[in-house]
Amino acid sequence: MERKWTHVLFAVGGIILAWLLSKSGDWAWSYFGKPNSFAVGTGAFLVAGIATLIAWKNEQLFGLAQEVTTELKKVTWPTRKETVSSTIVVIVTTIVASLLLGVFDGVWSWVTRMIYG
């Protein structure tokens, strides 16, 4: 079961790499003229496929990826109640911090006007 998710991890990584290479190739080629999307896409697909295959065949890297998927299975997600309460804490903390910084800014503005004004 764990190996299945490791294979999925490599496949998704290869797809993301192909997309990034395609976008980067289009961007780089656009400096010299209109990009040939077919050539860029094919090149990106080939490079990403070869890189993914090499990474997938690397036993040390594959073992590390399996450890990552095993550890991710141990992750517990917060409940809705915990998420809401944490969000409220973040919002309140942000408001308090912005008020304190606003007061400090106002006092500092007043002090500098008294000194230089």
PDB file of N, CA and C in Angstrom:
ATOM      1  N   MET A   1       0.824  -1.192   0.000  1.00  0.00           N
ATOM      2  CA  MET A   1       0.000   0.000   0.000  1.00  0.00           C
ATOM      3  C   MET A   1       0.871   1.262   0.000  1.00  0.00           C
ATOM      4  N   GLU A   2       1.936   1.243   0.803  1.00  0.00           N
ATOM      5  CA  GLU A   2       2.802   2.416   0.886  1.00  0.00           C
ATOM      6  C   GLU A   2       3.532   2.643  -0.434  1.00  0.00           C
ATOM      7  N   ARG A   3       3.869   1.567  -1.124  1.00  0.00           N
ATOM      8  CA  ARG A   3       4.585   1.699  -2.398  1.00  0.00           C
ATOM      9  C   ARG A   3       3.711   2.377  -3.445  1.00  0.00           C
ATOM     10  N   LYS A   4       2.403   2.139  -3.366  1.00  0.00           N
ATOM     11  CA  LYS A   4       1.493   2.761  -4.333  1.00  0.00           C
ATOM     12  C   LYS A   4       1.575   4.280  -4.213  1.00  0.00           C
ATOM     13  N   TRP A   5       1.550   4.804  -3.002  1.00  0.00           N
ATOM     14  CA  TRP A   5       1.601   6.250  -2.805  1.00  0.00           C
ATOM     15  C   TRP A   5       2.966   6.823  -3.181  1.00  0.00           C
ATOM     16  N   THR A   6       4.001   6.019  -3.022  1.00  0.00           N
ATOM     17  CA  THR A   6       5.335   6.465  -3.439  1.00  0.00           C
ATOM     18  C   THR A   6       5.382   6.593  -4.954  1.00  0.00           C
ATOM     19  N   HIS A   7       4.799   5.644  -5.660  1.00  0.00           N
ATOM     20  CA  HIS A   7       4.748   5.721  -7.120  1.00  0.00           C
ATOM     21  C   HIS A   7       3.917   6.932  -7.559  1.00  0.00           C
ATOM     22  N   VAL A   8       2.813   7.175  -6.874  1.00  0.00           N
ATOM     23  CA  VAL A   8       1.976   8.341  -7.181  1.00  0.00           C
ATOM     24  C   VAL A   8       2.772   9.621  -6.948  1.00  0.00           C
ATOM     25  N   LEU A   9       3.554   9.648  -5.870  1.00  0.00           N
ATOM     26  CA  LEU A   9       4.390  10.814  -5.559  1.00  0.00           C
ATOM     27  C   LEU A   9       5.358  11.115  -6.705  1.00  0.00           C
ATOM     28  N   PHE A  10       6.016  10.094  -7.222  1.00  0.00           N
ATOM     29  CA  PHE A  10       6.947  10.288  -8.337  1.00  0.00           C
ATOM     30  C   PHE A  10       6.209  10.723  -9.606  1.00  0.00           C
ATOM     31  N   ALA A  11       5.044  10.139  -9.866  1.00  0.00           N
ATOM     32  CA  ALA A  11       4.282  10.497 -11.065  1.00  0.00           C
ATOM     33  C   ALA A  11       3.830  11.960 -11.004  1.00  0.00           C
ATOM     34  N   VAL A  12       3.307  12.367  -9.875  1.00  0.00           N
ATOM     35  CA  VAL A  12       2.871  13.762  -9.722  1.00  0.00           C
ATOM     36  C   VAL A  12       4.067  14.702  -9.818  1.00  0.00           C
ATOM     37  N   GLY A  13       5.186  14.319  -9.204  1.00  0.00           N
ATOM     38  CA  GLY A  13       6.398  15.130  -9.310  1.00  0.00           C
ATOM     39  C   GLY A  13       6.853  15.281 -10.749  1.00  0.00           C
ATOM     40  N   GLY A  14       6.777  14.211 -11.529  1.00  0.00           N
ATOM     41  CA  GLY A  14       7.148  14.272 -12.940  1.00  0.00           C
ATOM     42  C   GLY A  14       6.227  15.176 -13.737  1.00  0.00           C
ATOM     43  N   ILE A  15       4.934  15.118 -13.448  1.00  0.00           N
ATOM     44  CA  ILE A  15       3.969  15.979 -14.148  1.00  0.00           C
ATOM     45  C   ILE A  15       4.228  17.446 -13.812  1.00  0.00           C
ATOM     46  N   ILE A  16       4.458  17.725 -12.546  1.00  0.00           N
ATOM     47  CA  ILE A  16       4.746  19.107 -12.136  1.00  0.00           C
ATOM     48  C   ILE A  16       6.046  19.592 -12.773  1.00  0.00           C
ATOM     49  N   LEU A  17       7.057  18.732 -12.805  1.00  0.00           N
ATOM     50  CA  LEU A  17       8.325  19.107 -13.433  1.00  0.00           C
ATOM     51  C   LEU A  17       8.130  19.393 -14.920  1.00  0.00           C
ATOM     52  N   ALA A  18       7.354  18.568 -15.601  1.00  0.00           N
ATOM     53  CA  ALA A  18       7.092  18.794 -17.035  1.00  0.00           C
ATOM     54  C   ALA A  18       6.385  20.126 -17.240  1.00  0.00           C
ATOM     55  N   TRP A  19       5.419  20.434 -16.414  1.00  0.00           N
ATOM     56  CA  TRP A  19       4.692  21.696 -16.531  1.00  0.00           C
ATOM     57  C   TRP A  19       5.630  22.883 -16.295  1.00  0.00           C
ATOM     58  N   LEU A  20       6.440  22.799 -15.223  1.00  0.00           N
ATOM     59  CA  LEU A  20       7.383  23.886 -14.929  1.00  0.00           C
ATOM     60  C   LEU A  20       8.391  24.079 -16.057  1.00  0.00           C
ATOM     61  N   LEU A  21       8.917  22.982 -16.592  1.00  0.00           N
ATOM     62  CA  LEU A  21       9.866  23.086 -17.700  1.00  0.00           C
ATOM     63  C   LEU A  21       9.200  23.671 -18.942  1.00  0.00           C
ATOM     64  N   SER A  22       7.964  23.311 -19.192  1.00  0.00           N
ATOM     65  CA  SER A  22       7.243  23.843 -20.338  1.00  0.00           C
ATOM     66  C   SER A  22       7.044  25.349 -20.200  1.00  0.00           C
ATOM     67  N   LYS A  23       6.602  25.791 -19.039  1.00  0.00           N
ATOM     68  CA  LYS A  23       6.394  27.226 -18.815  1.00  0.00           C
ATOM     69  C   LYS A  23       7.719  27.982 -18.871  1.00  0.00           C
ATOM     70  N   SER A  24       8.765  27.405 -18.286  1.00  0.00           N
ATOM     71  CA  SER A  24      10.080  28.052 -18.322  1.00  0.00           C
ATOM     72  C   SER A  24      10.614  28.116 -19.749  1.00  0.00           C
ATOM     73  N   GLY A  25      10.417  27.061 -20.511  1.00  0.00           N
ATOM     74  CA  GLY A  25      10.859  27.042 -21.900  1.00  0.00           C
ATOM     75  C   GLY A  25      10.128  28.071 -22.735  1.00  0.00           C
ATOM     76  N   ASP A  26       8.807  28.179 -22.545  1.00  0.00           N
ATOM     77  CA  ASP A  26       8.037  29.203 -23.259  1.00  0.00           C
ATOM     78  C   ASP A  26       8.539  30.599 -22.900  1.00  0.00           C
ATOM     79  N   TRP A  27       8.784  30.813 -21.629  1.00  0.00           N
ATOM     80  CA  TRP A  27       9.255  32.119 -21.166  1.00  0.00           C
ATOM     81  C   TRP A  27      10.627  32.450 -21.761  1.00  0.00           C
ATOM     82  N   ALA A  28      11.554  31.491 -21.701  1.00  0.00           N
ATOM     83  CA  ALA A  28      12.900  31.742 -22.219  1.00  0.00           C
ATOM     84  C   ALA A  28      12.876  31.943 -23.737  1.00  0.00           C
ATOM     85  N   TRP A  29      12.084  31.131 -24.443  1.00  0.00           N
ATOM     86  CA  TRP A  29      12.027  31.212 -25.898  1.00  0.00           C
ATOM     87  C   TRP A  29      11.370  32.525 -26.345  1.00  0.00           C
ATOM     88  N   SER A  30      10.463  33.061 -25.526  1.00  0.00           N
ATOM     89  CA  SER A  30       9.749  34.282 -25.915  1.00  0.00           C
ATOM     90  C   SER A  30      10.684  35.481 -26.052  1.00  0.00           C
ATOM     91  N   TYR A  31      11.867  35.412 -25.468  1.00  0.00           N
ATOM     92  CA  TYR A  31      12.840  36.490 -25.636  1.00  0.00           C
ATOM     93  C   TYR A  31      13.403  36.529 -27.055  1.00  0.00           C
ATOM     94  N   PHE A  32      13.353  35.401 -27.751  1.00  0.00           N
ATOM     95  CA  PHE A  32      13.937  35.306 -29.093  1.00  0.00           C
ATOM     96  C   PHE A  32      12.888  35.278 -30.193  1.00  0.00           C
ATOM     97  N   GLY A  33      11.638  35.247 -29.820  1.00  0.00           N
ATOM     98  CA  GLY A  33      10.569  35.198 -30.810  1.00  0.00           C
ATOM     99  C   GLY A  33       9.395  34.416 -30.261  1.00  0.00           C
ATOM    100  N   LYS A  34       8.442  34.114 -31.142  1.00  0.00           N
ATOM    101  CA  LYS A  34       7.263  33.348 -30.726  1.00  0.00           C
ATOM    102  C   LYS A  34       7.679  31.905 -30.449  1.00  0.00           C
ATOM    103  N   PRO A  35       7.388  31.421 -29.224  1.00  0.00           N
ATOM    104  CA  PRO A  35       7.791  30.057 -28.878  1.00  0.00           C
ATOM    105  C   PRO A  35       7.060  28.999 -29.695  1.00  0.00           C
ATOM    106  N   ASN A  36       7.766  27.944 -30.025  1.00  0.00           N
ATOM    107  CA  ASN A  36       7.171  26.782 -30.675  1.00  0.00           C
ATOM    108  C   ASN A  36       6.662  25.874 -29.561  1.00  0.00           C
ATOM    109  N   SER A  37       5.377  25.945 -29.288  1.00  0.00           N
ATOM    110  CA  SER A  37       4.793  25.229 -28.147  1.00  0.00           C
ATOM    111  C   SER A  37       4.985  23.720 -28.245  1.00  0.00           C
ATOM    112  N   PHE A  38       4.912  23.189 -29.452  1.00  0.00           N
ATOM    113  CA  PHE A  38       5.084  21.744 -29.606  1.00  0.00           C
ATOM    114  C   PHE A  38       6.500  21.327 -29.217  1.00  0.00           C
ATOM    115  N   ALA A  39       7.499  22.058 -29.695  1.00  0.00           N
ATOM    116  CA  ALA A  39       8.894  21.717 -29.394  1.00  0.00           C
ATOM    117  C   ALA A  39       9.180  21.877 -27.909  1.00  0.00           C
ATOM    118  N   VAL A  40       8.702  22.966 -27.327  1.00  0.00           N
ATOM    119  CA  VAL A  40       8.927  23.205 -25.902  1.00  0.00           C
ATOM    120  C   VAL A  40       8.230  22.138 -25.072  1.00  0.00           C
ATOM    121  N   GLY A  41       6.976  21.837 -25.415  1.00  0.00           N
ATOM    122  CA  GLY A  41       6.219  20.834 -24.665  1.00  0.00           C
ATOM    123  C   GLY A  41       6.827  19.451 -24.774  1.00  0.00           C
ATOM    124  N   THR A  42       7.256  19.087 -25.981  1.00  0.00           N
ATOM    125  CA  THR A  42       7.879  17.778 -26.181  1.00  0.00           C
ATOM    126  C   THR A  42       9.198  17.685 -25.425  1.00  0.00           C
ATOM    127  N   GLY A  43      10.009  18.732 -25.528  1.00  0.00           N
ATOM    128  CA  GLY A  43      11.278  18.740 -24.796  1.00  0.00           C
ATOM    129  C   GLY A  43      11.073  18.673 -23.297  1.00  0.00           C
ATOM    130  N   ALA A  44      10.106  19.444 -22.794  1.00  0.00           N
ATOM    131  CA  ALA A  44       9.816  19.432 -21.361  1.00  0.00           C
ATOM    132  C   ALA A  44       9.344  18.059 -20.913  1.00  0.00           C
ATOM    133  N   PHE A  45       8.476  17.433 -21.723  1.00  0.00           N
ATOM    134  CA  PHE A  45       7.968  16.103 -21.396  1.00  0.00           C
ATOM    135  C   PHE A  45       9.099  15.071 -21.369  1.00  0.00           C
ATOM    136  N   LEU A  46       9.986  15.132 -22.359  1.00  0.00           N
ATOM    137  CA  LEU A  46      11.100  14.177 -22.417  1.00  0.00           C
ATOM    138  C   LEU A  46      12.066  14.365 -21.246  1.00  0.00           C
ATOM    139  N   VAL A  47      12.454  15.606 -20.981  1.00  0.00           N
ATOM    140  CA  VAL A  47      13.393  15.872 -19.881  1.00  0.00           C
ATOM    141  C   VAL A  47      12.771  15.465 -18.551  1.00  0.00           C
ATOM    142  N   ALA A  48      11.515  15.845 -18.325  1.00  0.00           N
ATOM    143  CA  ALA A  48      10.842  15.493 -17.074  1.00  0.00           C
ATOM    144  C   ALA A  48      10.677  13.981 -16.946  1.00  0.00           C
ATOM    145  N   GLY A  49      10.354  13.326 -18.056  1.00  0.00           N
ATOM    146  CA  GLY A  49      10.201  11.870 -18.020  1.00  0.00           C
ATOM    147  C   GLY A  49      11.499  11.166 -17.688  1.00  0.00           C
ATOM    148  N   ILE A  50      12.588  11.601 -18.305  1.00  0.00           N
ATOM    149  CA  ILE A  50      13.893  10.991 -18.026  1.00  0.00           C
ATOM    150  C   ILE A  50      14.315  11.259 -16.584  1.00  0.00           C
ATOM    151  N   ALA A  51      14.123  12.510 -16.128  1.00  0.00           N
ATOM    152  CA  ALA A  51      14.491  12.849 -14.748  1.00  0.00           C
ATOM    153  C   ALA A  51      13.664  12.054 -13.743  1.00  0.00           C
ATOM    154  N   THR A  52      12.378  11.905 -14.020  1.00  0.00           N
ATOM    155  CA  THR A  52      11.504  11.137 -13.122  1.00  0.00           C
ATOM    156  C   THR A  52      11.906   9.671 -13.116  1.00  0.00           C
ATOM    157  N   LEU A  53      12.217   9.119 -14.283  1.00  0.00           N
ATOM    158  CA  LEU A  53      12.632   7.716 -14.369  1.00  0.00           C
ATOM    159  C   LEU A  53      13.936   7.483 -13.608  1.00  0.00           C
ATOM    160  N   ILE A  54      14.889   8.390 -13.760  1.00  0.00           N
ATOM    161  CA  ILE A  54      16.169   8.260 -13.041  1.00  0.00           C
ATOM    162  C   ILE A  54      15.932   8.341 -11.537  1.00  0.00           C
ATOM    163  N   ALA A  55      15.108   9.297 -11.099  1.00  0.00           N
ATOM    164  CA  ALA A  55      14.820   9.430  -9.671  1.00  0.00           C
ATOM    165  C   ALA A  55      14.068   8.213  -9.148  1.00  0.00           C
ATOM    166  N   TRP A  56      13.145   7.680  -9.941  1.00  0.00           N
ATOM    167  CA  TRP A  56      12.339   6.538  -9.530  1.00  0.00           C
ATOM    168  C   TRP A  56      13.199   5.285  -9.394  1.00  0.00           C
ATOM    169  N   LYS A  57      14.194   5.125 -10.277  1.00  0.00           N
ATOM    170  CA  LYS A  57      15.072   3.950 -10.240  1.00  0.00           C
ATOM    171  C   LYS A  57      16.140   4.043  -9.151  1.00  0.00           C
ATOM    172  N   ASN A  58      16.399   5.246  -8.630  1.00  0.00           N
ATOM    173  CA  ASN A  58      17.389   5.435  -7.580  1.00  0.00           C
ATOM    174  C   ASN A  58      16.855   4.839  -6.275  1.00  0.00           C
ATOM    175  N   GLU A  59      17.467   3.755  -5.814  1.00  0.00           N
ATOM    176  CA  GLU A  59      16.954   3.040  -4.636  1.00  0.00           C
ATOM    177  C   GLU A  59      16.981   3.903  -3.383  1.00  0.00           C
ATOM    178  N   GLN A  60      18.034   4.687  -3.230  1.00  0.00           N
ATOM    179  CA  GLN A  60      18.146   5.528  -2.036  1.00  0.00           C
ATOM    180  C   GLN A  60      17.041   6.595  -2.022  1.00  0.00           C
ATOM    181  N   LEU A  61      16.808   7.228  -3.148  1.00  0.00           N
ATOM    182  CA  LEU A  61      15.768   8.249  -3.246  1.00  0.00           C
ATOM    183  C   LEU A  61      14.380   7.631  -3.104  1.00  0.00           C
ATOM    184  N   PHE A  62      14.180   6.452  -3.693  1.00  0.00           N
ATOM    185  CA  PHE A  62      12.888   5.775  -3.582  1.00  0.00           C
ATOM    186  C   PHE A  62      12.620   5.386  -2.124  1.00  0.00           C
ATOM    187  N   GLY A  63      13.666   4.919  -1.429  1.00  0.00           N
ATOM    188  CA  GLY A  63      13.511   4.578  -0.010  1.00  0.00           C
ATOM    189  C   GLY A  63      13.158   5.804   0.824  1.00  0.00           C
ATOM    190  N   LEU A  64      13.802   6.928   0.522  1.00  0.00           N
ATOM    191  CA  LEU A  64      13.500   8.168   1.233  1.00  0.00           C
ATOM    192  C   LEU A  64      12.058   8.597   0.975  1.00  0.00           C
ATOM    193  N   ALA A  65      11.610   8.475  -0.259  1.00  0.00           N
ATOM    194  CA  ALA A  65      10.228   8.825  -0.595  1.00  0.00           C
ATOM    195  C   ALA A  65       9.250   7.900   0.126  1.00  0.00           C
ATOM    196  N   GLN A  66       9.609   6.632   0.270  1.00  0.00           N
ATOM    197  CA  GLN A  66       8.743   5.707   1.019  1.00  0.00           C
ATOM    198  C   GLN A  66       8.665   6.102   2.490  1.00  0.00           C
ATOM    199  N   GLU A  67       9.785   6.542   3.062  1.00  0.00           N
ATOM    200  CA  GLU A  67       9.770   7.004   4.453  1.00  0.00           C
ATOM    201  C   GLU A  67       8.873   8.222   4.599  1.00  0.00           C
ATOM    202  N   VAL A  68       8.913   9.117   3.616  1.00  0.00           N
ATOM    203  CA  VAL A  68       8.069  10.311   3.659  1.00  0.00           C
ATOM    204  C   VAL A  68       6.595   9.922   3.628  1.00  0.00           C
ATOM    205  N   THR A  69       6.224   9.012   2.739  1.00  0.00           N
ATOM    206  CA  THR A  69       4.819   8.602   2.664  1.00  0.00           C
ATOM    207  C   THR A  69       4.385   7.880   3.937  1.00  0.00           C
ATOM    208  N   THR A  70       5.299   7.123   4.549  1.00  0.00           N
ATOM    209  CA  THR A  70       4.979   6.452   5.810  1.00  0.00           C
ATOM    210  C   THR A  70       4.736   7.478   6.912  1.00  0.00           C
ATOM    211  N   GLU A  71       5.587   8.503   6.976  1.00  0.00           N
ATOM    212  CA  GLU A  71       5.429   9.540   7.991  1.00  0.00           C
ATOM    213  C   GLU A  71       4.167  10.363   7.759  1.00  0.00           C
ATOM    214  N   LEU A  72       3.819  10.603   6.498  1.00  0.00           N
ATOM    215  CA  LEU A  72       2.617  11.380   6.209  1.00  0.00           C
ATOM    216  C   LEU A  72       1.342  10.653   6.642  1.00  0.00           C
ATOM    217  N   LYS A  73       1.397   9.342   6.695  1.00  0.00           N
ATOM    218  CA  LYS A  73       0.229   8.589   7.169  1.00  0.00           C
ATOM    219  C   LYS A  73      -0.007   8.810   8.653  1.00  0.00           C
ATOM    220  N   LYS A  74       1.031   9.232   9.375  1.00  0.00           N
ATOM    221  CA  LYS A  74       0.911   9.461  10.816  1.00  0.00           C
ATOM    222  C   LYS A  74       0.348  10.844  11.140  1.00  0.00           C
ATOM    223  N   VAL A  75       0.221  11.703  10.134  1.00  0.00           N
ATOM    224  CA  VAL A  75      -0.263  13.061  10.351  1.00  0.00           C
ATOM    225  C   VAL A  75      -1.732  13.028  10.729  1.00  0.00           C
ATOM    226  N   THR A  76      -2.081  13.796  11.754  1.00  0.00           N
ATOM    227  CA  THR A  76      -3.491  13.932  12.128  1.00  0.00           C
ATOM    228  C   THR A  76      -3.906  15.369  11.838  1.00  0.00           C
ATOM    229  N   TRP A  77      -5.022  15.508  11.163  1.00  0.00           N
ATOM    230  CA  TRP A  77      -5.507  16.821  10.811  1.00  0.00           C
ATOM    231  C   TRP A  77      -6.368  17.365  11.931  1.00  0.00           C
ATOM    232  N   PRO A  78      -6.337  18.684  12.151  1.00  0.00           N
ATOM    233  CA  PRO A  78      -7.154  19.257  13.230  1.00  0.00           C
ATOM    234  C   PRO A  78      -8.637  19.147  12.898  1.00  0.00           C
ATOM    235  N   THR A  79      -9.428  19.098  13.951  1.00  0.00           N
ATOM    236  CA  THR A  79     -10.879  19.068  13.755  1.00  0.00           C
ATOM    237  C   THR A  79     -11.352  20.456  13.320  1.00  0.00           C
ATOM    238  N   ARG A  80     -12.598  20.523  12.903  1.00  0.00           N
ATOM    239  CA  ARG A  80     -13.159  21.814  12.494  1.00  0.00           C
ATOM    240  C   ARG A  80     -13.139  22.801  13.657  1.00  0.00           C
ATOM    241  N   LYS A  81     -13.454  22.318  14.859  1.00  0.00           N
ATOM    242  CA  LYS A  81     -13.488  23.188  16.042  1.00  0.00           C
ATOM    243  C   LYS A  81     -12.088  23.738  16.331  1.00  0.00           C
ATOM    244  N   GLU A  82     -11.061  22.889  16.254  1.00  0.00           N
ATOM    245  CA  GLU A  82      -9.692  23.342  16.482  1.00  0.00           C
ATOM    246  C   GLU A  82      -9.259  24.358  15.429  1.00  0.00           C
ATOM    247  N   THR A  83      -9.648  24.130  14.186  1.00  0.00           N
ATOM    248  CA  THR A  83      -9.294  25.051  13.105  1.00  0.00           C
ATOM    249  C   THR A  83      -9.947  26.408  13.306  1.00  0.00           C
ATOM    250  N   VAL A  84     -11.235  26.414  13.664  1.00  0.00           N
ATOM    251  CA  VAL A  84     -11.943  27.673  13.892  1.00  0.00           C
ATOM    252  C   VAL A  84     -11.330  28.427  15.063  1.00  0.00           C
ATOM    253  N   SER A  85     -11.053  27.718  16.167  1.00  0.00           N
ATOM    254  CA  SER A  85     -10.494  28.405  17.336  1.00  0.00           C
ATOM    255  C   SER A  85      -9.089  28.929  17.043  1.00  0.00           C
ATOM    256  N   SER A  86      -8.281  28.190  16.310  1.00  0.00           N
ATOM    257  CA  SER A  86      -6.944  28.664  15.942  1.00  0.00           C
ATOM    258  C   SER A  86      -7.028  29.880  15.025  1.00  0.00           C
ATOM    259  N   THR A  87      -7.982  29.871  14.111  1.00  0.00           N
ATOM    260  CA  THR A  87      -8.169  31.003  13.208  1.00  0.00           C
ATOM    261  C   THR A  87      -8.570  32.249  13.985  1.00  0.00           C
ATOM    262  N   ILE A  88      -9.451  32.098  14.946  1.00  0.00           N
ATOM    263  CA  ILE A  88      -9.864  33.231  15.776  1.00  0.00           C
ATOM    264  C   ILE A  88      -8.676  33.787  16.548  1.00  0.00           C
ATOM    265  N   VAL A  89      -7.850  32.911  17.100  1.00  0.00           N
ATOM    266  CA  VAL A  89      -6.657  33.363  17.828  1.00  0.00           C
ATOM    267  C   VAL A  89      -5.739  34.162  16.910  1.00  0.00           C
ATOM    268  N   VAL A  90      -5.534  33.700  15.682  1.00  0.00           N
ATOM    269  CA  VAL A  90      -4.665  34.402  14.737  1.00  0.00           C
ATOM    270  C   VAL A  90      -5.248  35.768  14.387  1.00  0.00           C
ATOM    271  N   ILE A  91      -6.550  35.831  14.136  1.00  0.00           N
ATOM    272  CA  ILE A  91      -7.183  37.107  13.785  1.00  0.00           C
ATOM    273  C   ILE A  91      -7.092  38.098  14.940  1.00  0.00           C
ATOM    274  N   VAL A  92      -7.400  37.661  16.150  1.00  0.00           N
ATOM    275  CA  VAL A  92      -7.335  38.549  17.322  1.00  0.00           C
ATOM    276  C   VAL A  92      -5.901  39.019  17.555  1.00  0.00           C
ATOM    277  N   THR A  93      -4.948  38.118  17.452  1.00  0.00           N
ATOM    278  CA  THR A  93      -3.545  38.492  17.635  1.00  0.00           C
ATOM    279  C   THR A  93      -3.113  39.515  16.589  1.00  0.00           C
ATOM    280  N   THR A  94      -3.548  39.334  15.353  1.00  0.00           N
ATOM    281  CA  THR A  94      -3.209  40.278  14.283  1.00  0.00           C
ATOM    282  C   THR A  94      -3.809  41.654  14.555  1.00  0.00           C
ATOM    283  N   ILE A  95      -5.048  41.689  15.001  1.00  0.00           N
ATOM    284  CA  ILE A  95      -5.700  42.966  15.309  1.00  0.00           C
ATOM    285  C   ILE A  95      -4.986  43.673  16.455  1.00  0.00           C
ATOM    286  N   VAL A  96      -4.671  42.936  17.517  1.00  0.00           N
ATOM    287  CA  VAL A  96      -3.979  43.537  18.663  1.00  0.00           C
ATOM    288  C   VAL A  96      -2.608  44.061  18.248  1.00  0.00           C
ATOM    289  N   ALA A  97      -1.869  43.270  17.479  1.00  0.00           N
ATOM    290  CA  ALA A  97      -0.539  43.701  17.036  1.00  0.00           C
ATOM    291  C   ALA A  97      -0.631  44.938  16.152  1.00  0.00           C
ATOM    292  N   SER A  98      -1.622  44.984  15.256  1.00  0.00           N
ATOM    293  CA  SER A  98      -1.746  46.160  14.378  1.00  0.00           C
ATOM    294  C   SER A  98      -2.156  47.394  15.174  1.00  0.00           C
ATOM    295  N   LEU A  99      -3.003  47.229  16.176  1.00  0.00           N
ATOM    296  CA  LEU A  99      -3.357  48.368  17.027  1.00  0.00           C
ATOM    297  C   LEU A  99      -2.139  48.883  17.790  1.00  0.00           C
ATOM    298  N   LEU A 100      -1.353  47.973  18.356  1.00  0.00           N
ATOM    299  CA  LEU A 100      -0.146  48.394  19.082  1.00  0.00           C
ATOM    300  C   LEU A 100       0.831  49.104  18.156  1.00  0.00           C
ATOM    301  N   LEU A 101       1.031  48.568  16.963  1.00  0.00           N
ATOM    302  CA  LEU A 101       1.931  49.220  16.012  1.00  0.00           C
ATOM    303  C   LEU A 101       1.379  50.572  15.560  1.00  0.00           C
ATOM    304  N   GLY A 102       0.064  50.663  15.402  1.00  0.00           N
ATOM    305  CA  GLY A 102      -0.551  51.941  15.043  1.00  0.00           C
ATOM    306  C   GLY A 102      -0.360  52.983  16.121  1.00  0.00           C
ATOM    307  N   VAL A 103      -0.534  52.590  17.379  1.00  0.00           N
ATOM    308  CA  VAL A 103      -0.312  53.509  18.503  1.00  0.00           C
ATOM    309  C   VAL A 103       1.152  53.929  18.546  1.00  0.00           C
ATOM    310  N   PHE A 104       2.054  52.972  18.408  1.00  0.00           N
ATOM    311  CA  PHE A 104       3.478  53.294  18.411  1.00  0.00           C
ATOM    312  C   PHE A 104       3.815  54.256  17.274  1.00  0.00           C
ATOM    313  N   ASP A 105       3.250  54.031  16.089  1.00  0.00           N
ATOM    314  CA  ASP A 105       3.498  54.898  14.943  1.00  0.00           C
ATOM    315  C   ASP A 105       2.968  56.301  15.207  1.00  0.00           C
ATOM    316  N   GLY A 106       1.778  56.390  15.797  1.00  0.00           N
ATOM    317  CA  GLY A 106       1.210  57.706  16.118  1.00  0.00           C
ATOM    318  C   GLY A 106       2.051  58.462  17.122  1.00  0.00           C
ATOM    319  N   VAL A 107       2.501  57.765  18.179  1.00  0.00           N
ATOM    320  CA  VAL A 107       3.351  58.400  19.195  1.00  0.00           C
ATOM    321  C   VAL A 107       4.671  58.825  18.570  1.00  0.00           C
ATOM    322  N   TRP A 108       5.255  57.987  17.766  1.00  0.00           N
ATOM    323  CA  TRP A 108       6.532  58.315  17.132  1.00  0.00           C
ATOM    324  C   TRP A 108       6.391  59.505  16.185  1.00  0.00           C
ATOM    325  N   SER A 109       5.269  59.573  15.450  1.00  0.00           N
ATOM    326  CA  SER A 109       5.015  60.720  14.571  1.00  0.00           C
ATOM    327  C   SER A 109       4.909  62.003  15.391  1.00  0.00           C
ATOM    328  N   TRP A 110       4.189  61.932  16.507  1.00  0.00           N
ATOM    329  CA  TRP A 110       4.037  63.107  17.378  1.00  0.00           C
ATOM    330  C   TRP A 110       5.386  63.548  17.922  1.00  0.00           C
ATOM    331  N   VAL A 111       6.203  62.578  18.375  1.00  0.00           N
ATOM    332  CA  VAL A 111       7.525  62.905  18.932  1.00  0.00           C
ATOM    333  C   VAL A 111       8.411  63.553  17.860  1.00  0.00           C
ATOM    334  N   THR A 112       8.429  63.002  16.658  1.00  0.00           N
ATOM    335  CA  THR A 112       9.274  63.584  15.607  1.00  0.00           C
ATOM    336  C   THR A 112       8.786  64.963  15.193  1.00  0.00           C
ATOM    337  N   ARG A 113       7.437  65.193  15.205  1.00  0.00           N
ATOM    338  CA  ARG A 113       6.928  66.538  14.904  1.00  0.00           C
ATOM    339  C   ARG A 113       7.329  67.542  15.976  1.00  0.00           C
ATOM    340  N   MET A 114       7.354  67.101  17.211  1.00  0.00           N
ATOM    341  CA  MET A 114       7.755  68.000  18.310  1.00  0.00           C
ATOM    342  C   MET A 114       9.248  68.351  18.203  1.00  0.00           C
ATOM    343  N   ILE A 115      10.050  67.366  17.792  1.00  0.00           N
ATOM    344  CA  ILE A 115      11.488  67.598  17.715  1.00  0.00           C
ATOM    345  C   ILE A 115      11.827  68.439  16.492  1.00  0.00           C
ATOM    346  N   TYR A 116      11.280  68.080  15.333  1.00  0.00           N
ATOM    347  CA  TYR A 116      11.668  68.735  14.073  1.00  0.00           C
ATOM    348  C   TYR A 116      10.682  69.798  13.612  1.00  0.00           C
ATOM    349  N   GLY A 117       9.507  69.844  14.232  1.00  0.00           N
ATOM    350  CA  GLY A 117       8.480  70.749  13.739  1.00  0.00           C
ATOM    351  C   GLY A 117       8.591  72.063  14.339  1.00  0.00           C
TER     352      GLY A 117
END
